[in-house]
Amino acid sequence: MVGPDEESEQWVANAAKSIDVPYIVLQKNRKGDEEVEVSVPDVQHFLDRTPVLVDDIISTAQTMMQTVRHLRAANIKAPVCIGIHAVFAGNAYNDLVNSGASKVITCNCIVHSSNQIDIADLIATELTSF
């Protein structure tokens, strides 16, 4: 599992631990809304795995796209990109799909064609605990 930035570590670490897989977290330098640099650590020992990128919000998709490009340049398999909130400003969704991701999957908290994770039961369960 791959976290595209330090903020995503909390989700990636928890998810990776729950399914007993390794994870890495990348370093992100945001230069603006449309410009992001992502540094990828040594990933050569993951060549036989399909990376799964996890982030909370996919808005411009710049962070995910940079991560996908770096992983593909390192000859890693095409990653699966998972986002919680499918904001997808402008052409962000199509740009992400065309960046080399094998799949783009989001939760249904914002209606989008990429929604494949239904969170209704999770929300209902949390609401009943009040």
N, C-alpha and C. Protein backbone atom coordinates (compact mmCIF):
# COMPACT_ATOMS: atom_id res chain seq x y z
N MET A 1 0.85 -1.17 0.00
CA MET A 1 0.00 0.00 0.00
C MET A 1 0.89 1.22 0.00
N VAL A 2 0.38 2.26 -0.63
CA VAL A 2 1.17 3.48 -0.80
C VAL A 2 0.35 4.68 -0.34
N GLY A 3 0.93 5.46 0.54
CA GLY A 3 0.35 6.74 0.92
C GLY A 3 1.07 7.82 0.15
N PRO A 4 0.35 8.65 -0.59
CA PRO A 4 1.01 9.64 -1.44
C PRO A 4 1.63 10.80 -0.68
N ASP A 5 1.32 10.94 0.61
CA ASP A 5 1.91 12.01 1.40
C ASP A 5 1.82 11.66 2.88
N GLU A 6 2.47 12.47 3.71
CA GLU A 6 2.55 12.19 5.14
C GLU A 6 1.16 12.13 5.79
N GLU A 7 0.24 12.95 5.31
CA GLU A 7 -1.10 12.99 5.88
C GLU A 7 -1.82 11.65 5.72
N SER A 8 -1.53 10.95 4.65
CA SER A 8 -2.22 9.69 4.37
C SER A 8 -1.69 8.52 5.19
N GLU A 9 -0.58 8.71 5.89
CA GLU A 9 0.01 7.60 6.63
C GLU A 9 -0.95 6.96 7.61
N GLN A 10 -1.77 7.77 8.27
CA GLN A 10 -2.70 7.23 9.27
C GLN A 10 -3.65 6.20 8.66
N TRP A 11 -4.13 6.43 7.44
CA TRP A 11 -5.06 5.50 6.81
C TRP A 11 -4.33 4.32 6.20
N VAL A 12 -3.21 4.61 5.54
CA VAL A 12 -2.46 3.55 4.86
C VAL A 12 -1.89 2.56 5.87
N ALA A 13 -1.32 3.06 6.94
CA ALA A 13 -0.74 2.18 7.96
C ALA A 13 -1.80 1.27 8.57
N ASN A 14 -2.95 1.82 8.88
CA ASN A 14 -4.03 1.04 9.47
C ASN A 14 -4.56 -0.01 8.49
N ALA A 15 -4.77 0.39 7.25
CA ALA A 15 -5.27 -0.56 6.24
C ALA A 15 -4.25 -1.66 5.98
N ALA A 16 -2.99 -1.29 5.84
CA ALA A 16 -1.94 -2.28 5.57
C ALA A 16 -1.82 -3.28 6.71
N LYS A 17 -1.89 -2.77 7.94
CA LYS A 17 -1.80 -3.65 9.10
C LYS A 17 -2.97 -4.63 9.14
N SER A 18 -4.16 -4.15 8.78
CA SER A 18 -5.34 -5.02 8.87
C SER A 18 -5.32 -6.17 7.86
N ILE A 19 -4.56 -6.01 6.77
CA ILE A 19 -4.47 -7.09 5.78
C ILE A 19 -3.05 -7.65 5.67
N ASP A 20 -2.19 -7.23 6.60
CA ASP A 20 -0.84 -7.76 6.72
C ASP A 20 -0.02 -7.63 5.42
N VAL A 21 0.05 -6.38 4.92
CA VAL A 21 0.88 -6.08 3.76
C VAL A 21 1.79 -4.90 4.10
N PRO A 22 2.91 -4.77 3.40
CA PRO A 22 3.80 -3.63 3.66
C PRO A 22 3.20 -2.34 3.10
N TYR A 23 3.69 -1.23 3.62
CA TYR A 23 3.27 0.07 3.10
C TYR A 23 4.44 1.03 3.08
N ILE A 24 4.32 2.01 2.21
CA ILE A 24 5.29 3.11 2.16
C ILE A 24 4.51 4.41 2.09
N VAL A 25 5.11 5.47 2.57
CA VAL A 25 4.51 6.80 2.52
C VAL A 25 5.49 7.71 1.81
N LEU A 26 5.00 8.43 0.82
CA LEU A 26 5.84 9.30 0.01
C LEU A 26 5.89 10.70 0.61
N GLN A 27 6.85 11.46 0.14
CA GLN A 27 7.00 12.85 0.56
C GLN A 27 6.41 13.74 -0.53
N LYS A 28 5.54 14.68 -0.15
CA LYS A 28 4.90 15.56 -1.12
C LYS A 28 5.32 16.99 -0.88
N ASN A 29 5.59 17.70 -1.98
CA ASN A 29 5.87 19.12 -1.94
C ASN A 29 4.87 19.80 -2.85
N ARG A 30 3.86 20.45 -2.27
CA ARG A 30 2.82 21.12 -3.06
C ARG A 30 3.30 22.53 -3.38
N LYS A 31 3.36 22.82 -4.68
CA LYS A 31 3.78 24.14 -5.14
C LYS A 31 2.59 25.01 -5.53
N GLY A 32 1.41 24.45 -5.52
CA GLY A 32 0.18 25.15 -5.88
C GLY A 32 -0.92 24.14 -6.10
N ASP A 33 -2.12 24.60 -6.43
CA ASP A 33 -3.25 23.69 -6.63
C ASP A 33 -3.01 22.69 -7.75
N GLU A 34 -2.30 23.11 -8.78
CA GLU A 34 -2.10 22.26 -9.95
C GLU A 34 -0.67 21.73 -10.07
N GLU A 35 0.18 22.01 -9.10
CA GLU A 35 1.57 21.57 -9.20
C GLU A 35 2.03 20.91 -7.91
N VAL A 36 2.37 19.63 -8.03
CA VAL A 36 2.79 18.83 -6.89
C VAL A 36 3.99 18.00 -7.28
N GLU A 37 4.97 17.94 -6.38
CA GLU A 37 6.11 17.04 -6.57
C GLU A 37 6.02 15.96 -5.51
N VAL A 38 6.24 14.72 -5.93
CA VAL A 38 6.19 13.58 -5.02
C VAL A 38 7.49 12.83 -5.15
N SER A 39 8.13 12.55 -4.02
CA SER A 39 9.35 11.77 -4.04
C SER A 39 9.02 10.32 -3.66
N VAL A 40 9.53 9.41 -4.46
CA VAL A 40 9.25 7.99 -4.24
C VAL A 40 10.51 7.32 -3.70
N PRO A 41 10.41 6.66 -2.55
CA PRO A 41 11.57 5.93 -2.01
C PRO A 41 11.89 4.71 -2.87
N ASP A 42 12.91 4.01 -2.50
CA ASP A 42 13.31 2.81 -3.24
C ASP A 42 12.18 1.78 -3.19
N VAL A 43 11.65 1.48 -4.36
CA VAL A 43 10.52 0.55 -4.44
C VAL A 43 10.87 -0.72 -5.21
N GLN A 44 12.14 -0.93 -5.47
CA GLN A 44 12.55 -2.07 -6.29
C GLN A 44 12.16 -3.41 -5.69
N HIS A 45 12.06 -3.51 -4.36
CA HIS A 45 11.67 -4.77 -3.75
C HIS A 45 10.16 -5.02 -3.82
N PHE A 46 9.41 -4.12 -4.48
CA PHE A 46 7.97 -4.29 -4.64
C PHE A 46 7.58 -4.54 -6.09
N LEU A 47 8.53 -4.89 -6.93
CA LEU A 47 8.26 -5.06 -8.36
C LEU A 47 7.21 -6.13 -8.66
N ASP A 48 7.07 -7.11 -7.78
CA ASP A 48 6.13 -8.20 -8.02
C ASP A 48 4.74 -7.91 -7.45
N ARG A 49 4.53 -6.74 -6.89
CA ARG A 49 3.25 -6.41 -6.25
C ARG A 49 2.51 -5.33 -7.02
N THR A 50 1.20 -5.31 -6.86
CA THR A 50 0.38 -4.22 -7.41
C THR A 50 0.20 -3.19 -6.33
N PRO A 51 0.71 -1.98 -6.53
CA PRO A 51 0.54 -0.96 -5.49
C PRO A 51 -0.90 -0.47 -5.40
N VAL A 52 -1.32 -0.17 -4.20
CA VAL A 52 -2.64 0.39 -3.95
C VAL A 52 -2.41 1.73 -3.26
N LEU A 53 -2.75 2.81 -3.96
CA LEU A 53 -2.61 4.16 -3.42
C LEU A 53 -3.89 4.53 -2.69
N VAL A 54 -3.75 5.10 -1.50
CA VAL A 54 -4.92 5.47 -0.70
C VAL A 54 -4.77 6.92 -0.25
N ASP A 55 -5.81 7.71 -0.51
CA ASP A 55 -5.81 9.09 -0.06
C ASP A 55 -7.23 9.49 0.30
N ASP A 56 -7.37 10.55 1.07
CA ASP A 56 -8.70 10.95 1.52
C ASP A 56 -9.48 11.71 0.45
N ILE A 57 -8.89 12.74 -0.12
CA ILE A 57 -9.60 13.56 -1.10
C ILE A 57 -8.84 13.55 -2.42
N ILE A 58 -9.56 13.28 -3.50
CA ILE A 58 -8.96 13.40 -4.83
C ILE A 58 -9.67 14.58 -5.49
N SER A 59 -9.01 15.71 -5.52
CA SER A 59 -9.60 16.92 -6.09
C SER A 59 -9.02 17.18 -7.48
N THR A 60 -7.80 17.68 -7.54
CA THR A 60 -7.16 17.88 -8.84
C THR A 60 -6.48 16.61 -9.32
N ALA A 61 -6.28 15.66 -8.43
CA ALA A 61 -5.62 14.37 -8.69
C ALA A 61 -4.14 14.51 -8.97
N GLN A 62 -3.56 15.67 -8.77
CA GLN A 62 -2.14 15.89 -9.06
C GLN A 62 -1.24 14.99 -8.22
N THR A 63 -1.53 14.84 -6.94
CA THR A 63 -0.70 14.00 -6.08
C THR A 63 -0.75 12.55 -6.54
N MET A 64 -1.94 12.04 -6.80
CA MET A 64 -2.08 10.65 -7.27
C MET A 64 -1.39 10.47 -8.62
N MET A 65 -1.58 11.42 -9.53
CA MET A 65 -0.98 11.26 -10.87
C MET A 65 0.54 11.26 -10.81
N GLN A 66 1.11 12.14 -10.00
CA GLN A 66 2.57 12.16 -9.86
C GLN A 66 3.06 10.85 -9.27
N THR A 67 2.34 10.33 -8.29
CA THR A 67 2.71 9.06 -7.67
C THR A 67 2.63 7.92 -8.68
N VAL A 68 1.55 7.88 -9.45
CA VAL A 68 1.39 6.84 -10.48
C VAL A 68 2.55 6.92 -11.47
N ARG A 69 2.87 8.12 -11.93
CA ARG A 69 3.96 8.28 -12.91
C ARG A 69 5.29 7.80 -12.36
N HIS A 70 5.59 8.15 -11.11
CA HIS A 70 6.85 7.71 -10.50
C HIS A 70 6.90 6.19 -10.37
N LEU A 71 5.82 5.60 -9.93
CA LEU A 71 5.79 4.14 -9.78
C LEU A 71 5.94 3.45 -11.13
N ARG A 72 5.25 3.95 -12.14
CA ARG A 72 5.35 3.35 -13.47
C ARG A 72 6.75 3.52 -14.04
N ALA A 73 7.40 4.66 -13.77
CA ALA A 73 8.77 4.88 -14.23
C ALA A 73 9.74 3.92 -13.56
N ALA A 74 9.39 3.44 -12.36
CA ALA A 74 10.23 2.49 -11.64
C ALA A 74 9.88 1.05 -12.02
N ASN A 75 9.08 0.89 -13.08
CA ASN A 75 8.66 -0.42 -13.59
C ASN A 75 7.80 -1.20 -12.60
N ILE A 76 7.07 -0.49 -11.78
CA ILE A 76 6.10 -1.11 -10.86
C ILE A 76 4.81 -1.34 -11.64
N LYS A 77 4.07 -2.36 -11.28
CA LYS A 77 2.78 -2.63 -11.93
C LYS A 77 1.86 -1.42 -11.81
N ALA A 78 0.90 -1.32 -12.73
CA ALA A 78 -0.06 -0.22 -12.71
C ALA A 78 -0.83 -0.24 -11.39
N PRO A 79 -0.85 0.87 -10.67
CA PRO A 79 -1.48 0.88 -9.35
C PRO A 79 -2.99 1.04 -9.40
N VAL A 80 -3.61 0.63 -8.32
CA VAL A 80 -5.02 0.89 -8.05
C VAL A 80 -5.05 2.14 -7.17
N CYS A 81 -5.86 3.11 -7.54
CA CYS A 81 -5.98 4.35 -6.76
C CYS A 81 -7.31 4.37 -6.04
N ILE A 82 -7.26 4.54 -4.72
CA ILE A 82 -8.47 4.58 -3.90
C ILE A 82 -8.55 5.91 -3.19
N GLY A 83 -9.69 6.57 -3.32
CA GLY A 83 -9.93 7.84 -2.65
C GLY A 83 -11.24 7.79 -1.89
N ILE A 84 -11.28 8.51 -0.79
CA ILE A 84 -12.52 8.56 -0.01
C ILE A 84 -13.50 9.54 -0.66
N HIS A 85 -13.06 10.76 -0.88
CA HIS A 85 -13.93 11.80 -1.42
C HIS A 85 -13.57 12.07 -2.88
N ALA A 86 -14.48 11.76 -3.78
CA ALA A 86 -14.27 11.89 -5.23
C ALA A 86 -14.66 13.28 -5.71
N VAL A 87 -13.86 14.28 -5.37
CA VAL A 87 -14.15 15.65 -5.79
C VAL A 87 -13.93 15.79 -7.30
N PHE A 88 -12.78 15.36 -7.79
CA PHE A 88 -12.44 15.36 -9.22
C PHE A 88 -12.79 16.67 -9.92
N ALA A 89 -12.05 17.72 -9.61
CA ALA A 89 -12.25 19.02 -10.26
C ALA A 89 -11.85 18.95 -11.73
N GLY A 90 -12.66 19.58 -12.57
CA GLY A 90 -12.35 19.65 -14.00
C GLY A 90 -12.20 18.27 -14.62
N ASN A 91 -11.08 18.04 -15.28
CA ASN A 91 -10.80 16.75 -15.94
C ASN A 91 -9.98 15.81 -15.08
N ALA A 92 -9.94 16.05 -13.78
CA ALA A 92 -9.05 15.29 -12.90
C ALA A 92 -9.28 13.78 -12.98
N TYR A 93 -10.52 13.34 -13.05
CA TYR A 93 -10.78 11.90 -13.10
C TYR A 93 -10.18 11.28 -14.37
N ASN A 94 -10.49 11.85 -15.50
CA ASN A 94 -9.96 11.33 -16.76
C ASN A 94 -8.43 11.42 -16.80
N ASP A 95 -7.89 12.51 -16.27
CA ASP A 95 -6.44 12.65 -16.22
C ASP A 95 -5.81 11.54 -15.38
N LEU A 96 -6.43 11.23 -14.24
CA LEU A 96 -5.91 10.17 -13.38
C LEU A 96 -6.01 8.81 -14.06
N VAL A 97 -7.14 8.53 -14.66
CA VAL A 97 -7.30 7.26 -15.37
C VAL A 97 -6.24 7.13 -16.47
N ASN A 98 -5.99 8.22 -17.17
CA ASN A 98 -5.03 8.21 -18.28
C ASN A 98 -3.57 8.29 -17.84
N SER A 99 -3.33 8.46 -16.55
CA SER A 99 -1.95 8.59 -16.06
C SER A 99 -1.25 7.25 -15.91
N GLY A 100 -1.99 6.16 -16.00
CA GLY A 100 -1.38 4.84 -15.87
C GLY A 100 -1.93 4.01 -14.73
N ALA A 101 -2.95 4.50 -14.04
CA ALA A 101 -3.58 3.72 -12.97
C ALA A 101 -4.38 2.59 -13.60
N SER A 102 -4.38 1.42 -12.96
CA SER A 102 -5.17 0.31 -13.48
C SER A 102 -6.64 0.48 -13.14
N LYS A 103 -6.93 1.07 -11.98
CA LYS A 103 -8.30 1.32 -11.53
C LYS A 103 -8.31 2.56 -10.66
N VAL A 104 -9.43 3.26 -10.66
CA VAL A 104 -9.67 4.37 -9.75
C VAL A 104 -10.98 4.06 -9.04
N ILE A 105 -10.90 3.94 -7.72
CA ILE A 105 -12.04 3.52 -6.91
C ILE A 105 -12.25 4.56 -5.80
N THR A 106 -13.52 4.93 -5.59
CA THR A 106 -13.82 5.88 -4.52
C THR A 106 -15.01 5.40 -3.70
N CYS A 107 -15.18 6.04 -2.56
CA CYS A 107 -16.35 5.80 -1.71
C CYS A 107 -17.53 6.59 -2.26
N ASN A 108 -18.72 6.21 -1.87
CA ASN A 108 -19.92 6.86 -2.39
C ASN A 108 -20.39 8.05 -1.56
N CYS A 109 -19.49 8.69 -0.83
CA CYS A 109 -19.88 9.88 -0.06
C CYS A 109 -20.08 11.09 -0.96
N ILE A 110 -19.47 11.09 -2.15
CA ILE A 110 -19.74 12.06 -3.21
C ILE A 110 -20.05 11.21 -4.45
N VAL A 111 -21.21 11.38 -5.00
CA VAL A 111 -21.65 10.54 -6.12
C VAL A 111 -20.73 10.77 -7.33
N HIS A 112 -20.19 9.66 -7.85
CA HIS A 112 -19.30 9.70 -9.01
C HIS A 112 -19.27 8.31 -9.64
N SER A 113 -18.95 8.26 -10.91
CA SER A 113 -18.91 6.97 -11.61
C SER A 113 -17.84 6.02 -11.05
N SER A 114 -16.87 6.55 -10.31
CA SER A 114 -15.81 5.72 -9.72
C SER A 114 -16.22 5.08 -8.40
N ASN A 115 -17.40 5.42 -7.88
CA ASN A 115 -17.85 4.88 -6.59
C ASN A 115 -17.98 3.37 -6.65
N GLN A 116 -17.22 2.68 -5.80
CA GLN A 116 -17.33 1.23 -5.68
C GLN A 116 -17.31 0.78 -4.23
N ILE A 117 -17.14 1.74 -3.31
CA ILE A 117 -17.11 1.41 -1.89
C ILE A 117 -18.30 2.10 -1.23
N ASP A 118 -19.24 1.31 -0.77
CA ASP A 118 -20.46 1.84 -0.14
C ASP A 118 -20.19 2.05 1.35
N ILE A 119 -20.34 3.28 1.79
CA ILE A 119 -20.08 3.59 3.20
C ILE A 119 -21.36 3.83 4.01
N ALA A 120 -22.52 3.57 3.41
CA ALA A 120 -23.79 3.83 4.09
C ALA A 120 -23.90 3.07 5.41
N ASP A 121 -23.53 1.80 5.43
CA ASP A 121 -23.62 1.02 6.67
C ASP A 121 -22.68 1.55 7.74
N LEU A 122 -21.48 1.98 7.33
CA LEU A 122 -20.53 2.54 8.30
C LEU A 122 -21.09 3.81 8.93
N ILE A 123 -21.67 4.66 8.11
CA ILE A 123 -22.25 5.90 8.63
C ILE A 123 -23.43 5.59 9.54
N ALA A 124 -24.30 4.68 9.13
CA ALA A 124 -25.45 4.31 9.94
C ALA A 124 -25.03 3.75 11.30
N THR A 125 -24.00 2.90 11.27
CA THR A 125 -23.51 2.31 12.53
C THR A 125 -22.98 3.40 13.46
N GLU A 126 -22.22 4.31 12.92
CA GLU A 126 -21.68 5.40 13.75
C GLU A 126 -22.78 6.29 14.28
N LEU A 127 -23.79 6.58 13.48
CA LEU A 127 -24.89 7.43 13.93
C LEU A 127 -25.70 6.78 15.05
N THR A 128 -25.83 5.47 15.03
CA THR A 128 -26.58 4.78 16.08
C THR A 128 -25.83 4.73 17.40
N SER A 129 -24.54 5.05 17.37
CA SER A 129 -23.76 5.00 18.62
C SER A 129 -23.88 6.28 19.43
N PHE A 130 -24.59 7.28 18.91
CA PHE A 130 -24.75 8.54 19.66
C PHE A 130 -25.81 8.43 20.70
